[in-house]
Amino acid sequence: MVRMKMIIAVVQDQDSNRLSKALVDNNFRATKLASTGGFLKSGNTTFMIGTEDIRVDRALQIIKDNCRSREQLVAPVSPMGGNADSYVPYPVEVEVGGATVFVLPIEQYMHF
């Protein structure tokens, strides 16, 4: 019996096409889902990749090589309640991008 893992990778939209191509070039099958980040409320892409245990490290390296972090200016969200006098609505530079990755064991795999 082949042992499997599910890799869930949330990446910034700018890295999505490059990562998708790299996964296909390395014979990984992935499902892409459009998603939205909770912190910056910006678009990202969630990849679901099912693979054998022995190929997990290769998949993780491909994700790491194709998803980079970058600096981005974002407008801060106004405070909900509290003292609005101290609120300064200037853009703030934050680090975005890279990838957030979860690796989960697969109990059963079926393909119909």
N, C-alpha and C. Protein backbone atom coordinates (compact mmCIF):
# COMPACT_ATOMS: atom_id res chain seq x y z
N MET A 1 0.83 -1.18 0.00
CA MET A 1 0.00 0.00 0.00
C MET A 1 0.88 1.25 0.00
N VAL A 2 0.58 2.19 -0.88
CA VAL A 2 1.34 3.42 -0.98
C VAL A 2 0.84 4.41 0.07
N ARG A 3 1.76 4.96 0.84
CA ARG A 3 1.40 5.96 1.85
C ARG A 3 1.35 7.31 1.17
N MET A 4 0.28 8.09 1.47
CA MET A 4 0.05 9.36 0.80
C MET A 4 -0.02 10.51 1.80
N LYS A 5 0.24 11.70 1.28
CA LYS A 5 0.08 12.93 2.05
C LYS A 5 -0.72 13.92 1.21
N MET A 6 -1.42 14.82 1.88
CA MET A 6 -2.10 15.93 1.24
C MET A 6 -1.34 17.19 1.64
N ILE A 7 -0.86 17.91 0.63
CA ILE A 7 -0.17 19.17 0.87
C ILE A 7 -1.15 20.28 0.50
N ILE A 8 -1.40 21.16 1.44
CA ILE A 8 -2.25 22.33 1.20
C ILE A 8 -1.34 23.54 1.30
N ALA A 9 -1.20 24.26 0.18
CA ALA A 9 -0.32 25.42 0.13
C ALA A 9 -1.12 26.66 -0.25
N VAL A 10 -1.09 27.66 0.60
CA VAL A 10 -1.75 28.93 0.32
C VAL A 10 -0.67 29.91 -0.13
N VAL A 11 -0.80 30.38 -1.37
CA VAL A 11 0.23 31.24 -1.96
C VAL A 11 -0.40 32.53 -2.49
N GLN A 12 0.41 33.55 -2.64
CA GLN A 12 -0.07 34.81 -3.18
C GLN A 12 -0.37 34.63 -4.68
N ASP A 13 -1.39 35.33 -5.17
CA ASP A 13 -1.79 35.20 -6.56
C ASP A 13 -0.63 35.43 -7.54
N GLN A 14 0.29 36.33 -7.21
CA GLN A 14 1.41 36.61 -8.11
C GLN A 14 2.29 35.39 -8.34
N ASP A 15 2.30 34.44 -7.40
CA ASP A 15 3.14 33.25 -7.51
C ASP A 15 2.38 32.04 -8.06
N SER A 16 1.08 32.17 -8.22
CA SER A 16 0.23 31.04 -8.55
C SER A 16 0.58 30.38 -9.89
N ASN A 17 0.68 31.16 -10.96
CA ASN A 17 0.95 30.56 -12.27
C ASN A 17 2.32 29.92 -12.34
N ARG A 18 3.33 30.58 -11.75
CA ARG A 18 4.69 30.03 -11.74
C ARG A 18 4.72 28.70 -10.98
N LEU A 19 4.06 28.65 -9.82
CA LEU A 19 4.02 27.42 -9.03
C LEU A 19 3.27 26.33 -9.78
N SER A 20 2.15 26.66 -10.37
CA SER A 20 1.35 25.68 -11.11
C SER A 20 2.17 25.04 -12.22
N LYS A 21 2.89 25.85 -12.98
CA LYS A 21 3.73 25.34 -14.07
C LYS A 21 4.84 24.44 -13.52
N ALA A 22 5.48 24.85 -12.44
CA ALA A 22 6.56 24.06 -11.85
C ALA A 22 6.05 22.72 -11.34
N LEU A 23 4.87 22.70 -10.75
CA LEU A 23 4.30 21.43 -10.27
C LEU A 23 4.02 20.49 -11.44
N VAL A 24 3.43 21.01 -12.52
CA VAL A 24 3.14 20.19 -13.70
C VAL A 24 4.44 19.68 -14.31
N ASP A 25 5.45 20.56 -14.42
CA ASP A 25 6.74 20.16 -14.99
C ASP A 25 7.40 19.04 -14.21
N ASN A 26 7.06 18.93 -12.92
CA ASN A 26 7.63 17.89 -12.06
C ASN A 26 6.65 16.76 -11.77
N ASN A 27 5.62 16.65 -12.60
CA ASN A 27 4.65 15.55 -12.53
C ASN A 27 3.86 15.48 -11.22
N PHE A 28 3.52 16.66 -10.69
CA PHE A 28 2.61 16.72 -9.54
C PHE A 28 1.26 17.18 -10.05
N ARG A 29 0.21 16.54 -9.59
CA ARG A 29 -1.14 16.97 -9.89
C ARG A 29 -1.63 17.83 -8.74
N ALA A 30 -2.29 18.92 -9.08
CA ALA A 30 -2.77 19.82 -8.03
C ALA A 30 -4.12 20.39 -8.41
N THR A 31 -4.91 20.67 -7.42
CA THR A 31 -6.16 21.38 -7.60
C THR A 31 -5.96 22.79 -7.07
N LYS A 32 -6.30 23.79 -7.89
CA LYS A 32 -6.16 25.19 -7.49
C LYS A 32 -7.52 25.74 -7.10
N LEU A 33 -7.55 26.43 -5.97
CA LEU A 33 -8.77 27.06 -5.48
C LEU A 33 -8.50 28.54 -5.25
N ALA A 34 -9.36 29.40 -5.74
CA ALA A 34 -9.25 30.82 -5.44
C ALA A 34 -9.65 31.02 -3.98
N SER A 35 -8.87 31.81 -3.26
CA SER A 35 -9.16 32.05 -1.85
C SER A 35 -8.81 33.50 -1.50
N THR A 36 -9.22 33.91 -0.33
CA THR A 36 -8.98 35.28 0.11
C THR A 36 -8.36 35.25 1.49
N GLY A 37 -7.29 36.01 1.67
CA GLY A 37 -6.62 36.07 2.96
C GLY A 37 -7.44 36.84 3.98
N GLY A 38 -7.35 36.46 5.22
CA GLY A 38 -8.10 37.12 6.27
C GLY A 38 -7.46 38.40 6.76
N PHE A 39 -6.12 38.46 6.77
CA PHE A 39 -5.43 39.62 7.32
C PHE A 39 -5.46 40.80 6.36
N LEU A 40 -5.02 40.60 5.12
CA LEU A 40 -4.97 41.71 4.16
C LEU A 40 -6.18 41.74 3.25
N LYS A 41 -7.06 40.76 3.36
CA LYS A 41 -8.26 40.68 2.53
C LYS A 41 -7.91 40.68 1.04
N SER A 42 -6.75 40.13 0.70
CA SER A 42 -6.31 40.11 -0.69
C SER A 42 -6.42 38.70 -1.25
N GLY A 43 -6.46 38.61 -2.58
CA GLY A 43 -6.61 37.32 -3.24
C GLY A 43 -5.37 36.47 -3.11
N ASN A 44 -5.59 35.19 -2.95
CA ASN A 44 -4.50 34.23 -3.00
C ASN A 44 -5.04 32.95 -3.61
N THR A 45 -4.18 31.99 -3.76
CA THR A 45 -4.55 30.71 -4.36
C THR A 45 -4.18 29.60 -3.41
N THR A 46 -5.08 28.66 -3.22
CA THR A 46 -4.81 27.50 -2.39
C THR A 46 -4.64 26.29 -3.30
N PHE A 47 -3.50 25.63 -3.19
CA PHE A 47 -3.21 24.42 -3.94
C PHE A 47 -3.42 23.21 -3.04
N MET A 48 -4.12 22.21 -3.56
CA MET A 48 -4.25 20.93 -2.87
C MET A 48 -3.50 19.91 -3.71
N ILE A 49 -2.45 19.32 -3.12
CA ILE A 49 -1.57 18.41 -3.84
C ILE A 49 -1.55 17.08 -3.10
N GLY A 50 -2.04 16.03 -3.74
CA GLY A 50 -1.94 14.70 -3.17
C GLY A 50 -0.72 14.02 -3.75
N THR A 51 0.12 13.45 -2.88
CA THR A 51 1.34 12.80 -3.38
C THR A 51 1.79 11.70 -2.43
N GLU A 52 2.67 10.86 -2.93
CA GLU A 52 3.24 9.81 -2.11
C GLU A 52 4.17 10.41 -1.07
N ASP A 53 4.30 9.74 0.05
CA ASP A 53 5.19 10.22 1.13
C ASP A 53 6.59 10.55 0.62
N ILE A 54 7.12 9.69 -0.24
CA ILE A 54 8.51 9.86 -0.68
C ILE A 54 8.71 11.10 -1.57
N ARG A 55 7.62 11.70 -2.08
CA ARG A 55 7.73 12.87 -2.94
C ARG A 55 7.39 14.19 -2.23
N VAL A 56 7.06 14.12 -0.95
CA VAL A 56 6.68 15.32 -0.21
C VAL A 56 7.80 16.35 -0.18
N ASP A 57 9.03 15.92 0.12
CA ASP A 57 10.14 16.86 0.20
C ASP A 57 10.36 17.58 -1.13
N ARG A 58 10.22 16.88 -2.24
CA ARG A 58 10.38 17.49 -3.56
C ARG A 58 9.29 18.54 -3.79
N ALA A 59 8.06 18.21 -3.45
CA ALA A 59 6.95 19.15 -3.61
C ALA A 59 7.18 20.40 -2.77
N LEU A 60 7.63 20.22 -1.54
CA LEU A 60 7.88 21.36 -0.66
C LEU A 60 9.00 22.25 -1.21
N GLN A 61 10.02 21.64 -1.81
CA GLN A 61 11.10 22.42 -2.40
C GLN A 61 10.61 23.23 -3.60
N ILE A 62 9.73 22.64 -4.40
CA ILE A 62 9.16 23.36 -5.55
C ILE A 62 8.34 24.56 -5.07
N ILE A 63 7.56 24.36 -4.02
CA ILE A 63 6.77 25.46 -3.46
C ILE A 63 7.71 26.56 -2.96
N LYS A 64 8.73 26.17 -2.22
CA LYS A 64 9.68 27.15 -1.68
C LYS A 64 10.38 27.92 -2.79
N ASP A 65 10.77 27.24 -3.85
CA ASP A 65 11.50 27.87 -4.96
C ASP A 65 10.64 28.82 -5.78
N ASN A 66 9.32 28.66 -5.75
CA ASN A 66 8.45 29.43 -6.64
C ASN A 66 7.54 30.44 -5.94
N CYS A 67 7.61 30.51 -4.63
CA CYS A 67 6.76 31.44 -3.86
C CYS A 67 7.65 32.30 -3.01
N ARG A 68 7.75 33.57 -3.37
CA ARG A 68 8.66 34.46 -2.63
C ARG A 68 7.87 35.48 -1.83
N SER A 69 8.46 35.93 -0.76
CA SER A 69 7.85 37.01 0.02
C SER A 69 8.30 38.33 -0.56
N ARG A 70 7.49 39.36 -0.36
CA ARG A 70 7.79 40.70 -0.88
C ARG A 70 7.18 41.73 0.06
N GLU A 71 7.66 42.95 -0.03
CA GLU A 71 7.13 44.05 0.76
C GLU A 71 5.98 44.70 -0.01
N GLN A 72 4.94 45.09 0.70
CA GLN A 72 3.78 45.71 0.06
C GLN A 72 3.22 46.78 0.99
N LEU A 73 2.83 47.91 0.41
CA LEU A 73 2.18 48.96 1.19
C LEU A 73 0.70 48.65 1.32
N VAL A 74 0.19 48.69 2.52
CA VAL A 74 -1.24 48.46 2.74
C VAL A 74 -1.79 49.58 3.61
N ALA A 75 -3.02 49.93 3.36
CA ALA A 75 -3.70 50.93 4.18
C ALA A 75 -4.24 50.23 5.42
N PRO A 76 -3.93 50.75 6.59
CA PRO A 76 -4.44 50.11 7.81
C PRO A 76 -5.95 50.22 7.91
N VAL A 77 -6.55 49.26 8.53
CA VAL A 77 -7.99 49.25 8.74
C VAL A 77 -8.31 50.21 9.88
N SER A 78 -9.37 50.99 9.73
CA SER A 78 -9.73 51.93 10.79
C SER A 78 -10.18 51.17 12.03
N PRO A 79 -9.93 51.74 13.19
CA PRO A 79 -10.30 51.05 14.43
C PRO A 79 -11.82 50.94 14.57
N MET A 80 -12.26 49.84 15.08
CA MET A 80 -13.68 49.63 15.34
C MET A 80 -13.94 49.97 16.80
N GLY A 81 -14.41 51.17 17.04
CA GLY A 81 -14.60 51.61 18.42
C GLY A 81 -13.30 52.17 18.96
N GLY A 82 -13.30 52.57 20.16
CA GLY A 82 -12.10 53.13 20.76
C GLY A 82 -11.90 54.57 20.34
N ASN A 83 -10.74 55.08 20.61
CA ASN A 83 -10.43 56.47 20.34
C ASN A 83 -9.92 56.63 18.92
N ALA A 84 -10.72 57.23 18.04
CA ALA A 84 -10.33 57.44 16.64
C ALA A 84 -9.33 58.57 16.50
N ASP A 85 -9.14 59.39 17.55
CA ASP A 85 -8.20 60.50 17.49
C ASP A 85 -6.76 60.01 17.29
N SER A 86 -6.43 58.85 17.82
CA SER A 86 -5.06 58.34 17.72
C SER A 86 -4.84 57.52 16.45
N TYR A 87 -5.87 57.35 15.63
CA TYR A 87 -5.76 56.56 14.41
C TYR A 87 -5.04 57.37 13.33
N VAL A 88 -3.98 56.77 12.74
CA VAL A 88 -3.22 57.43 11.68
C VAL A 88 -3.41 56.62 10.40
N PRO A 89 -4.12 57.16 9.40
CA PRO A 89 -4.46 56.38 8.21
C PRO A 89 -3.36 56.33 7.14
N TYR A 90 -2.11 56.23 7.54
CA TYR A 90 -1.01 56.17 6.58
C TYR A 90 -0.75 54.72 6.18
N PRO A 91 -0.37 54.50 4.91
CA PRO A 91 -0.03 53.13 4.50
C PRO A 91 1.14 52.59 5.31
N VAL A 92 1.13 51.31 5.54
CA VAL A 92 2.17 50.64 6.30
C VAL A 92 2.78 49.57 5.40
N GLU A 93 4.10 49.43 5.45
CA GLU A 93 4.76 48.40 4.65
C GLU A 93 4.79 47.10 5.44
N VAL A 94 4.27 46.02 4.83
CA VAL A 94 4.26 44.71 5.48
C VAL A 94 4.84 43.68 4.52
N GLU A 95 5.33 42.59 5.08
CA GLU A 95 5.84 41.49 4.26
C GLU A 95 4.67 40.58 3.90
N VAL A 96 4.51 40.31 2.61
CA VAL A 96 3.45 39.42 2.13
C VAL A 96 4.09 38.35 1.25
N GLY A 97 3.31 37.37 0.91
CA GLY A 97 3.78 36.34 -0.01
C GLY A 97 4.39 35.17 0.70
N GLY A 98 5.25 34.48 -0.04
CA GLY A 98 5.76 33.22 0.47
C GLY A 98 4.65 32.20 0.35
N ALA A 99 4.67 31.22 1.20
CA ALA A 99 3.63 30.19 1.17
C ALA A 99 3.36 29.72 2.59
N THR A 100 2.11 29.46 2.88
CA THR A 100 1.73 28.80 4.12
C THR A 100 1.34 27.38 3.72
N VAL A 101 2.03 26.40 4.29
CA VAL A 101 1.88 25.02 3.83
C VAL A 101 1.51 24.10 4.99
N PHE A 102 0.54 23.23 4.72
CA PHE A 102 0.13 22.19 5.66
C PHE A 102 0.36 20.84 4.99
N VAL A 103 0.91 19.89 5.71
CA VAL A 103 1.09 18.54 5.19
C VAL A 103 0.30 17.60 6.10
N LEU A 104 -0.67 16.90 5.50
CA LEU A 104 -1.59 16.06 6.27
C LEU A 104 -1.49 14.61 5.81
N PRO A 105 -1.62 13.68 6.74
CA PRO A 105 -1.65 12.27 6.32
C PRO A 105 -2.99 11.95 5.65
N ILE A 106 -2.94 11.07 4.67
CA ILE A 106 -4.15 10.63 3.97
C ILE A 106 -4.48 9.22 4.44
N GLU A 107 -5.66 9.07 4.97
CA GLU A 107 -6.08 7.76 5.47
C GLU A 107 -6.49 6.85 4.31
N GLN A 108 -7.13 7.42 3.30
CA GLN A 108 -7.62 6.61 2.19
C GLN A 108 -7.62 7.48 0.94
N TYR A 109 -7.28 6.90 -0.21
CA TYR A 109 -7.27 7.60 -1.48
C TYR A 109 -8.05 6.77 -2.49
N MET A 110 -8.97 7.41 -3.20
CA MET A 110 -9.75 6.73 -4.23
C MET A 110 -9.82 7.64 -5.44
N HIS A 111 -9.81 7.05 -6.61
CA HIS A 111 -9.94 7.80 -7.85
C HIS A 111 -10.97 7.07 -8.70
N PHE A 112 -12.06 7.71 -9.04
CA PHE A 112 -13.13 7.07 -9.81
C PHE A 112 -13.14 7.60 -11.23
